C-alpha atoms as a PDB file:
ATOM      1  CA  MET A   1     -59.374 -23.891 -52.515  1.00  0.00           C
ATOM      2  CA  GLU A   2     -60.208 -23.013 -48.914  1.00  0.00           C
ATOM      3  CA  SER A   3     -57.956 -25.829 -47.665  1.00  0.00           C
ATOM      4  CA  TYR A   4     -55.089 -24.479 -49.778  1.00  0.00           C
ATOM      5  CA  ARG A   5     -55.487 -20.985 -48.283  1.00  0.00           C
ATOM      6  CA  LEU A   6     -55.556 -22.356 -44.715  1.00  0.00           C
ATOM      7  CA  LYS A   7     -52.420 -24.340 -45.391  1.00  0.00           C
ATOM      8  CA  ASN A   8     -50.615 -21.219 -46.639  1.00  0.00           C
ATOM      9  CA  ILE A   9     -51.742 -19.271 -43.582  1.00  0.00           C
ATOM     10  CA  ALA A  10     -50.433 -22.043 -41.300  1.00  0.00           C
ATOM     11  CA  ILE A  11     -47.072 -21.993 -43.091  1.00  0.00           C
ATOM     12  CA  ILE A  12     -46.835 -18.207 -42.750  1.00  0.00           C
ATOM     13  CA  LEU A  13     -47.648 -18.428 -39.025  1.00  0.00           C
ATOM     14  CA  LEU A  14     -44.970 -21.079 -38.513  1.00  0.00           C
ATOM     15  CA  LEU A  15     -42.403 -18.972 -40.350  1.00  0.00           C
ATOM     16  CA  PHE A  16     -43.367 -15.984 -38.210  1.00  0.00           C
ATOM     17  CA  LEU A  17     -43.010 -17.994 -34.998  1.00  0.00           C
ATOM     18  CA  ASN A  18     -39.629 -19.388 -36.052  1.00  0.00           C
ATOM     19  CA  GLY A  19     -38.441 -15.899 -36.928  1.00  0.00           C
ATOM     20  CA  SER A  20     -39.594 -14.586 -33.556  1.00  0.00           C
ATOM     21  CA  LEU A  21     -37.772 -17.375 -31.736  1.00  0.00           C
ATOM     22  CA  LEU A  22     -34.586 -16.658 -33.669  1.00  0.00           C
ATOM     23  CA  LEU A  23     -34.840 -12.989 -32.800  1.00  0.00           C
ATOM     24  CA  LEU A  24     -35.378 -13.853 -29.132  1.00  0.00           C
ATOM     25  CA  VAL A  25     -32.385 -16.190 -29.024  1.00  0.00           C
ATOM     26  CA  GLY A  26     -30.253 -13.636 -30.833  1.00  0.00           C
ATOM     27  CA  TYR A  27     -31.290 -10.920 -28.395  1.00  0.00           C
ATOM     28  CA  GLN A  28     -30.503 -13.131 -25.400  1.00  0.00           C
ATOM     29  CA  GLN A  29     -27.083 -13.935 -26.848  1.00  0.00           C
ATOM     30  CA  PHE A  30     -26.484 -10.232 -27.455  1.00  0.00           C
ATOM     31  CA  GLN A  31     -27.400  -9.472 -23.848  1.00  0.00           C
ATOM     32  CA  GLU A  32     -25.099 -12.221 -22.553  1.00  0.00           C
ATOM     33  CA  ASN A  33     -22.203 -10.962 -24.673  1.00  0.00           C
ATOM     34  CA  ARG A  34     -22.779  -7.410 -23.488  1.00  0.00           C
ATOM     35  CA  SER A  35     -22.895  -8.557 -19.852  1.00  0.00           C
ATOM     36  CA  GLU A  36     -19.657 -10.506 -20.305  1.00  0.00           C
ATOM     37  CA  ARG A  37     -17.917  -7.492 -21.843  1.00  0.00           C
ATOM     38  CA  ALA A  38     -19.151  -5.251 -19.034  1.00  0.00           C
ATOM     39  CA  ALA A  39     -17.960  -7.725 -16.383  1.00  0.00           C
ATOM     40  CA  ALA A  40     -14.547  -7.988 -18.059  1.00  0.00           C
ATOM     41  CA  GLN A  41     -14.181  -4.214 -18.181  1.00  0.00           C
ATOM     42  CA  SER A  42     -15.198  -3.891 -14.520  1.00  0.00           C
ATOM     43  CA  LEU A  43     -12.640  -6.551 -13.598  1.00  0.00           C
ATOM     44  CA  ARG A  44      -9.833  -4.704 -15.395  1.00  0.00           C
ATOM     45  CA  GLU A  45     -10.751  -1.513 -13.565  1.00  0.00           C
ATOM     46  CA  LEU A  46     -10.888  -3.343 -10.229  1.00  0.00           C
ATOM     47  CA  CYS A  47      -7.488  -4.931 -10.807  1.00  0.00           C
ATOM     48  CA  GLY A  48      -6.035  -1.608 -11.950  1.00  0.00           C
ATOM     49  CA  ALA A  49      -7.131   0.008  -8.698  1.00  0.00           C
ATOM     50  CA  SER A  50      -5.118  -2.676  -6.847  1.00  0.00           C
ATOM     51  CA  GLN A  51      -2.020  -2.247  -9.049  1.00  0.00           C
ATOM     52  CA  LEU A  52      -2.566  -5.579 -10.768  1.00  0.00           C
ATOM     53  CA  THR A  53      -2.326  -5.610 -14.567  1.00  0.00           C
ATOM     54  CA  LEU A  54      -4.205  -8.106 -16.713  1.00  0.00           C
ATOM     55  CA  ASP A  55      -2.436  -9.014 -19.934  1.00  0.00           C
ATOM     56  CA  GLY A  56      -4.307  -7.521 -22.866  1.00  0.00           C
ATOM     57  CA  SER A  57      -4.514 -10.879 -24.658  1.00  0.00           C
ATOM     58  CA  LEU A  58      -6.385 -12.648 -21.838  1.00  0.00           C
ATOM     59  CA  GLU A  59      -9.654 -14.270 -22.946  1.00  0.00           C
ATOM     60  CA  LEU A  60     -11.845 -13.378 -19.994  1.00  0.00           C
ATOM     61  CA  THR A  61     -14.906 -15.029 -21.568  1.00  0.00           C
ATOM     62  CA  ARG A  62     -13.384 -18.521 -21.436  1.00  0.00           C
ATOM     63  CA  GLN A  63     -15.780 -21.132 -20.117  1.00  0.00           C
ATOM     64  CA  PRO A  64     -15.004 -23.574 -17.267  1.00  0.00           C
ATOM     65  CA  LEU A  65     -14.593 -27.292 -17.811  1.00  0.00           C
ATOM     66  CA  THR A  66     -17.199 -29.827 -16.714  1.00  0.00           C
ATOM     67  CA  ALA A  67     -16.389 -31.974 -13.688  1.00  0.00           C
ATOM     68  CA  LEU A  68     -16.048 -35.694 -14.465  1.00  0.00           C
ATOM     69  CA  SER A  69     -16.697 -38.746 -12.298  1.00  0.00           C
ATOM     70  CA  LEU A  70     -14.310 -41.589 -13.062  1.00  0.00           C
ATOM     71  CA  VAL A  71     -14.509 -45.346 -12.699  1.00  0.00           C
ATOM     72  CA  ARG A  72     -11.464 -47.375 -11.749  1.00  0.00           C
ATOM     73  CA  ASN A  73     -10.198 -49.478 -14.659  1.00  0.00           C
ATOM     74  CA  ALA A  74      -8.250 -52.588 -13.694  1.00  0.00           C
ATOM     75  CA  GLU A  75      -7.217 -53.292 -17.294  1.00  0.00           C
ATOM     76  CA  THR A  76      -5.553 -49.887 -17.616  1.00  0.00           C
ATOM     77  CA  GLU A  77      -3.788 -50.330 -14.275  1.00  0.00           C
ATOM     78  CA  GLN A  78      -2.482 -53.722 -15.351  1.00  0.00           C
ATOM     79  CA  ALA A  79      -1.335 -52.345 -18.708  1.00  0.00           C
ATOM     80  CA  ILE A  80       0.591 -49.529 -17.003  1.00  0.00           C
ATOM     81  CA  ALA A  81       2.195 -51.922 -14.513  1.00  0.00           C
ATOM     82  CA  SER A  82       3.070 -54.486 -17.186  1.00  0.00           C
ATOM     83  CA  TYR A  83       4.766 -51.883 -19.360  1.00  0.00           C
ATOM     84  CA  LEU A  84       6.793 -50.409 -16.508  1.00  0.00           C
ATOM     85  CA  LEU A  85       7.784 -53.827 -15.118  1.00  0.00           C
ATOM     86  CA  GLY A  86       8.805 -55.155 -18.522  1.00  0.00           C
ATOM     87  CA  GLY A  87       6.484 -58.160 -18.451  1.00  0.00           C
ATOM     88  CA  GLN A  88       2.946 -59.346 -17.798  1.00  0.00           C
ATOM     89  CA  ALA A  89       1.989 -58.242 -14.284  1.00  0.00           C
ATOM     90  CA  VAL A  90      -0.268 -60.370 -12.076  1.00  0.00           C
ATOM     91  CA  SER A  91      -2.739 -58.506  -9.857  1.00  0.00           C
ATOM     92  CA  ALA A  92      -3.628 -59.188  -6.238  1.00  0.00           C
ATOM     93  CA  SER A  93      -5.863 -57.271  -3.848  1.00  0.00           C
ATOM     94  CA  GLN A  94      -4.144 -55.880  -0.761  1.00  0.00           C
ATOM     95  CA  GLY A  95      -7.373 -54.632   0.824  1.00  0.00           C
ATOM     96  CA  GLY A  96      -8.482 -51.059   1.374  1.00  0.00           C
ATOM     97  CA  GLY A  97      -8.833 -50.445  -2.362  1.00  0.00           C
ATOM     98  CA  ILE A  98      -5.140 -51.200  -3.013  1.00  0.00           C
ATOM     99  CA  PHE A  99      -4.148 -53.592  -5.807  1.00  0.00           C
ATOM    100  CA  SER A 100      -0.618 -54.861  -6.287  1.00  0.00           C
ATOM    101  CA  TYR A 101       0.658 -55.771  -9.773  1.00  0.00           C
ATOM    102  CA  GLU A 102       3.711 -58.016  -9.658  1.00  0.00           C
ATOM    103  CA  ALA A 103       6.233 -59.292 -12.201  1.00  0.00           C
ATOM    104  CA  ALA A 104       9.758 -60.717 -11.986  1.00  0.00           C
ATOM    105  CA  SER A 105      11.316 -57.235 -11.801  1.00  0.00           C
ATOM    106  CA  GLY A 106       9.190 -55.961  -8.906  1.00  0.00           C
ATOM    107  CA  SER A 107       5.701 -54.763  -8.062  1.00  0.00           C
ATOM    108  CA  ILE A 108       3.618 -51.593  -8.431  1.00  0.00           C
ATOM    109  CA  GLN A 109       0.688 -50.730  -6.205  1.00  0.00           C
ATOM    110  CA  PHE A 110      -2.394 -48.804  -7.329  1.00  0.00           C
ATOM    111  CA  ARG A 111      -4.801 -47.022  -4.994  1.00  0.00           C
ATOM    112  CA  ALA A 112      -8.502 -46.493  -5.684  1.00  0.00           C
ATOM    113  CA  GLY A 113      -8.003 -42.772  -6.339  1.00  0.00           C
ATOM    114  CA  GLY A 114      -5.657 -43.398  -9.276  1.00  0.00           C
ATOM    115  CA  SER A 115      -2.251 -42.973  -7.624  1.00  0.00           C
ATOM    116  CA  PHE A 116       0.428 -45.642  -8.017  1.00  0.00           C
ATOM    117  CA  TYR A 117       3.963 -46.277  -6.827  1.00  0.00           C
ATOM    118  CA  GLY A 118       6.690 -48.866  -6.986  1.00  0.00           C
ATOM    119  CA  SER A 119      10.084 -49.039  -5.293  1.00  0.00           C
ATOM    120  CA  ARG A 120      13.027 -51.427  -5.288  1.00  0.00           C
ATOM    121  CA  LEU A 121      12.374 -52.214  -8.939  1.00  0.00           C
ATOM    122  CA  ALA A 122      15.001 -53.778 -11.179  1.00  0.00           C
ATOM    123  CA  VAL A 123      13.854 -53.156 -14.754  1.00  0.00           C
ATOM    124  CA  ALA A 124      16.709 -53.079 -17.263  1.00  0.00           C
ATOM    125  CA  VAL A 125      16.049 -50.409 -19.913  1.00  0.00           C
ATOM    126  CA  GLU A 126      18.244 -50.334 -23.013  1.00  0.00           C
ATOM    127  CA  ASP A 127      16.968 -47.027 -24.461  1.00  0.00           C
ATOM    128  CA  ILE A 128      15.587 -44.821 -21.676  1.00  0.00           C
ATOM    129  CA  PRO A 129      14.277 -41.947 -23.883  1.00  0.00           C
ATOM    130  CA  ALA A 130      12.442 -44.359 -26.221  1.00  0.00           C
ATOM    131  CA  PHE A 131      11.078 -46.363 -23.247  1.00  0.00           C
ATOM    132  CA  CYS A 132       9.697 -43.231 -21.611  1.00  0.00           C
ATOM    133  CA  GLN A 133       8.298 -41.639 -24.759  1.00  0.00           C
ATOM    134  CA  GLU A 134       6.390 -44.788 -25.709  1.00  0.00           C
ATOM    135  CA  PHE A 135       4.959 -45.060 -22.187  1.00  0.00           C
ATOM    136  CA  PHE A 136       3.862 -41.413 -22.197  1.00  0.00           C
ATOM    137  CA  GLN A 137       2.262 -41.741 -25.625  1.00  0.00           C
ATOM    138  CA  ARG A 138       0.348 -44.907 -24.719  1.00  0.00           C
ATOM    139  CA  PHE A 139      -1.140 -43.537 -21.526  1.00  0.00           C
ATOM    140  CA  GLY A 140      -1.730 -39.870 -22.316  1.00  0.00           C
ATOM    141  CA  TYR A 141       1.206 -38.120 -20.629  1.00  0.00           C
ATOM    142  CA  GLU A 142       2.834 -35.080 -22.226  1.00  0.00           C
ATOM    143  CA  GLY A 143       5.519 -32.492 -21.572  1.00  0.00           C
ATOM    144  CA  ALA A 144       8.276 -34.983 -20.761  1.00  0.00           C
ATOM    145  CA  GLN A 145      11.153 -33.587 -18.710  1.00  0.00           C
ATOM    146  CA  PHE A 146      14.428 -35.500 -18.814  1.00  0.00           C
ATOM    147  CA  GLN A 147      16.952 -34.964 -16.049  1.00  0.00           C
ATOM    148  CA  MET A 148      19.337 -37.747 -16.996  1.00  0.00           C
ATOM    149  CA  GLU A 149      23.096 -38.256 -17.138  1.00  0.00           C
ATOM    150  CA  ASP A 150      24.860 -41.526 -17.942  1.00  0.00           C
ATOM    151  CA  GLY A 151      21.813 -43.667 -17.245  1.00  0.00           C
ATOM    152  CA  ASN A 152      21.032 -41.953 -13.930  1.00  0.00           C
ATOM    153  CA  GLY A 153      18.290 -39.473 -13.145  1.00  0.00           C
ATOM    154  CA  THR A 154      14.569 -38.837 -13.391  1.00  0.00           C
ATOM    155  CA  VAL A 155      12.053 -38.513 -16.213  1.00  0.00           C
ATOM    156  CA  SER A 156       8.653 -36.939 -15.519  1.00  0.00           C
ATOM    157  CA  ALA A 157       5.516 -35.950 -17.436  1.00  0.00           C
ATOM    158  CA  LEU A 158       1.958 -34.748 -16.852  1.00  0.00           C
ATOM    159  CA  GLN A 159      -1.279 -36.358 -18.000  1.00  0.00           C
ATOM    160  CA  ARG A 160      -3.495 -34.332 -20.305  1.00  0.00           C
ATOM    161  CA  VAL A 161      -7.260 -34.766 -20.785  1.00  0.00           C
ATOM    162  CA  LYS A 162      -9.208 -32.999 -23.540  1.00  0.00           C
ATOM    163  CA  GLY A 163      -6.108 -30.975 -24.305  1.00  0.00           C
ATOM    164  CA  VAL A 164      -5.667 -29.614 -20.765  1.00  0.00           C
ATOM    165  CA  ASP A 165      -3.277 -30.528 -17.951  1.00  0.00           C
ATOM    166  CA  VAL A 166      -4.336 -32.712 -15.028  1.00  0.00           C
ATOM    167  CA  THR A 167      -2.707 -31.551 -11.807  1.00  0.00           C
ATOM    168  CA  GLY A 168      -2.085 -34.478  -9.502  1.00  0.00           C
ATOM    169  CA  GLY A 169      -1.958 -36.677 -12.602  1.00  0.00           C
ATOM    170  CA  GLY A 170       1.771 -36.759 -13.298  1.00  0.00           C
ATOM    171  CA  VAL A 171       4.323 -39.560 -13.304  1.00  0.00           C
ATOM    172  CA  SER A 172       7.984 -39.695 -12.339  1.00  0.00           C
ATOM    173  CA  LEU A 173      10.376 -42.497 -13.340  1.00  0.00           C
ATOM    174  CA  ASP A 174      13.657 -42.895 -11.443  1.00  0.00           C
ATOM    175  CA  PHE A 175      16.625 -44.580 -13.155  1.00  0.00           C
ATOM    176  CA  ARG A 176      19.941 -45.813 -11.738  1.00  0.00           C
ATOM    177  CA  GLU A 177      22.712 -47.198 -13.936  1.00  0.00           C
ATOM    178  CA  GLY A 178      20.288 -47.791 -16.800  1.00  0.00           C
ATOM    179  CA  MET A 179      17.644 -49.497 -14.701  1.00  0.00           C
ATOM    180  CA  LEU A 180      14.195 -48.319 -13.664  1.00  0.00           C
ATOM    181  CA  VAL A 181      14.333 -48.508  -9.860  1.00  0.00           C
ATOM    182  CA  SER A 182      11.213 -46.628  -8.754  1.00  0.00           C
ATOM    183  CA  VAL A 183       8.062 -44.977 -10.068  1.00  0.00           C
ATOM    184  CA  THR A 184       5.457 -42.671  -8.545  1.00  0.00           C
ATOM    185  CA  GLY A 185       2.448 -41.116 -10.226  1.00  0.00           C
ATOM    186  CA  ALA A 186      -1.258 -41.085 -10.872  1.00  0.00           C
ATOM    187  CA  HIS A 187      -3.499 -41.789 -13.830  1.00  0.00           C
ATOM    188  CA  ALA A 188      -7.071 -40.785 -14.633  1.00  0.00           C
ATOM    189  CA  SER A 189      -8.892 -43.537 -16.534  1.00  0.00           C
ATOM    190  CA  LEU A 190     -11.464 -42.004 -18.880  1.00  0.00           C
ATOM    191  CA  GLU A 191     -13.070 -45.143 -20.319  1.00  0.00           C
ATOM    192  CA  SER A 192     -16.243 -44.772 -18.215  1.00  0.00           C
ATOM    193  CA  ALA A 193     -16.033 -41.088 -17.298  1.00  0.00           C
ATOM    194  CA  SER A 194     -19.340 -39.259 -16.884  1.00  0.00           C
ATOM    195  CA  PRO A 195     -20.054 -35.528 -16.481  1.00  0.00           C
ATOM    196  CA  GLU A 196     -21.324 -34.288 -13.142  1.00  0.00           C
ATOM    197  CA  SER A 197     -24.477 -32.393 -14.043  1.00  0.00           C
ATOM    198  CA  GLU A 198     -24.832 -30.693 -10.658  1.00  0.00           C
ATOM    199  CA  ALA A 199     -21.221 -29.525 -10.419  1.00  0.00           C
ATOM    200  CA  ALA A 200     -20.817 -25.814  -9.715  1.00  0.00           C
ATOM    201  CA  GLU A 201     -19.326 -23.665 -12.453  1.00  0.00           C
ATOM    202  CA  MET A 202     -17.176 -20.601 -11.957  1.00  0.00           C
ATOM    203  CA  THR A 203     -16.513 -18.093 -14.722  1.00  0.00           C
ATOM    204  CA  CYS A 204     -13.061 -16.805 -15.559  1.00  0.00           C
ATOM    205  CA  VAL A 205     -13.985 -13.339 -14.291  1.00  0.00           C
ATOM    206  CA  THR A 206     -15.213 -14.703 -10.954  1.00  0.00           C
ATOM    207  CA  ALA A 207     -12.020 -16.745 -10.554  1.00  0.00           C
ATOM    208  CA  LEU A 208      -9.908 -13.632 -11.085  1.00  0.00           C
ATOM    209  CA  VAL A 209     -11.961 -11.706  -8.531  1.00  0.00           C
ATOM    210  CA  ARG A 210     -11.344 -14.520  -6.044  1.00  0.00           C
ATOM    211  CA  PHE A 211      -7.637 -14.360  -6.814  1.00  0.00           C
ATOM    212  CA  LEU A 212      -7.579 -10.579  -6.398  1.00  0.00           C
ATOM    213  CA  ASP A 213      -9.221 -10.925  -2.979  1.00  0.00           C
ATOM    214  CA  TYR A 214      -6.670 -13.589  -2.048  1.00  0.00           C
ATOM    215  CA  ARG A 215      -3.751 -11.420  -3.215  1.00  0.00           C
ATOM    216  CA  ASN A 216      -4.949  -8.414  -1.256  1.00  0.00           C
ATOM    217  CA  ALA A 217      -5.612 -10.442   1.908  1.00  0.00           C
ATOM    218  CA  SER A 218      -2.493 -12.633   1.859  1.00  0.00           C
ATOM    219  CA  GLY A 219       0.012 -10.061   0.652  1.00  0.00           C
ATOM    220  CA  ALA A 220       1.063 -12.263  -2.270  1.00  0.00           C
ATOM    221  CA  VAL A 221       3.555 -10.337  -4.393  1.00  0.00           C
ATOM    222  CA  CYS A 222       2.691 -10.088  -8.095  1.00  0.00           C
ATOM    223  CA  SER A 223       1.943  -7.241 -10.472  1.00  0.00           C
ATOM    224  CA  GLU A 224       0.652  -8.947 -13.623  1.00  0.00           C
ATOM    225  CA  VAL A 225      -1.630 -11.819 -14.616  1.00  0.00           C
ATOM    226  CA  ARG A 226      -0.134 -13.266 -17.776  1.00  0.00           C
ATOM    227  CA  ASN A 227      -2.385 -16.222 -18.509  1.00  0.00           C
ATOM    228  CA  VAL A 228      -5.606 -17.815 -17.261  1.00  0.00           C
ATOM    229  CA  HIS A 229      -7.011 -21.167 -18.318  1.00  0.00           C
ATOM    230  CA  CYS A 230      -9.160 -23.924 -16.851  1.00  0.00           C
ATOM    231  CA  ILE A 231      -7.513 -27.283 -16.150  1.00  0.00           C
ATOM    232  CA  TYR A 232      -8.406 -30.486 -14.317  1.00  0.00           C
ATOM    233  CA  GLN A 233      -7.346 -31.624 -10.871  1.00  0.00           C
ATOM    234  CA  LEU A 234      -7.422 -35.335  -9.991  1.00  0.00           C
ATOM    235  CA  GLN A 235      -9.094 -35.747  -6.600  1.00  0.00           C
ATOM    236  CA  GLY A 236     -10.788 -38.455  -4.546  1.00  0.00           C
ATOM    237  CA  ALA A 237      -9.105 -41.111  -2.424  1.00  0.00           C
ATOM    238  CA  VAL A 238     -11.906 -43.649  -2.988  1.00  0.00           C
ATOM    239  CA  VAL A 239     -13.881 -42.414  -6.006  1.00  0.00           C
ATOM    240  CA  PRO A 240     -11.611 -40.556  -8.443  1.00  0.00           C
ATOM    241  CA  ARG A 241     -12.899 -37.338  -9.984  1.00  0.00           C
ATOM    242  CA  LEU A 242     -11.559 -34.744 -12.379  1.00  0.00           C
ATOM    243  CA  LEU A 243     -12.526 -31.355 -10.984  1.00  0.00           C
ATOM    244  CA  PRO A 244     -12.040 -28.064 -12.847  1.00  0.00           C
ATOM    245  CA  VAL A 245      -9.752 -25.394 -11.431  1.00  0.00           C
ATOM    246  CA  TRP A 246      -8.670 -22.087 -12.935  1.00  0.00           C
ATOM    247  CA  GLN A 247      -4.898 -21.827 -13.329  1.00  0.00           C
ATOM    248  CA  ILE A 248      -3.663 -18.244 -13.027  1.00  0.00           C
ATOM    249  CA  ASP A 249      -0.094 -17.560 -14.140  1.00  0.00           C
ATOM    250  CA  THR A 250       1.399 -14.337 -12.782  1.00  0.00           C
ATOM    251  CA  ASP A 251       4.785 -12.705 -13.140  1.00  0.00           C
ATOM    252  CA  THR A 252       5.964 -14.376  -9.909  1.00  0.00           C
ATOM    253  CA  ASN A 253       4.006 -17.592  -9.329  1.00  0.00           C
ATOM    254  CA  THR A 254       1.179 -19.860 -10.483  1.00  0.00           C
ATOM    255  CA  TYR A 255      -2.095 -20.064  -8.546  1.00  0.00           C
ATOM    256  CA  PHE A 256      -5.166 -22.300  -8.696  1.00  0.00           C
ATOM    257  CA  VAL A 257      -8.784 -21.353  -7.980  1.00  0.00           C
ATOM    258  CA  ASP A 258     -11.118 -24.246  -7.154  1.00  0.00           C
ATOM    259  CA  CYS A 259     -14.293 -23.944  -9.254  1.00  0.00           C
ATOM    260  CA  ARG A 260     -16.426 -25.474  -6.486  1.00  0.00           C
ATOM    261  CA  THR A 261     -15.173 -23.724  -3.365  1.00  0.00           C
ATOM    262  CA  GLY A 262     -13.360 -20.670  -4.697  1.00  0.00           C
ATOM    263  CA  GLU A 263     -10.328 -21.600  -2.609  1.00  0.00           C
ATOM    264  CA  VAL A 264      -7.037 -20.175  -3.940  1.00  0.00           C
ATOM    265  CA  THR A 265      -3.769 -22.088  -3.585  1.00  0.00           C
ATOM    266  CA  GLY A 266      -0.257 -21.461  -4.841  1.00  0.00           C
ATOM    267  CA  LYS A 267       1.783 -23.881  -6.875  1.00  0.00           C
END
């Protein structure tokens, strides 16, 4: 009987402790939400004082992305080169982290940081739109832009990772008389990507404060921020990395705020 009573008391104490922890977590979340709302309101007032309007639909509590370290993937490089060259490409090291992938129609060179290029190509393409769309779908490029007329022109697209754009991760295909004659671009291989635990994070509100300071100091002309979202930027000449930046779309231009340094650059 005594053992039964002690067991009930222990259960009641555990329930009490769990309830207390839930209340504590809930209170902390409430405090965080209140702080975020206060910071957002202060930001709107600060921008208003500088004649800069923030669109009412902006989600100022959006969280930044996590920086990713990438590992070069030779198989992906070869697959990209083989598709673009219209046949199995053979790789050869050129030194300095450069690999050349060659087929009968030409060669494409890849650098360690993910960029690639090929010129003086001679790849006959029967259906240019279908050729490009399949390439973009296979390797994660979206937002294709066709500037073509009678088999001449350029087709470009941008890589997307986790549903967001990768600046510096686009590709451009140049066609002449129905033939692919050159290609430039970059590709982030995600097969062995790992998050950078020590990477600095910058909130949306902080990024907008940085932009406001930049606008006031540089004299950049804009009166409204229409959209803000975090995207990736492909960086690293030797070791490729995807680093988060806040993209700020205004009524006159697009700007980027580096989540590590706070540096603001225009598009």
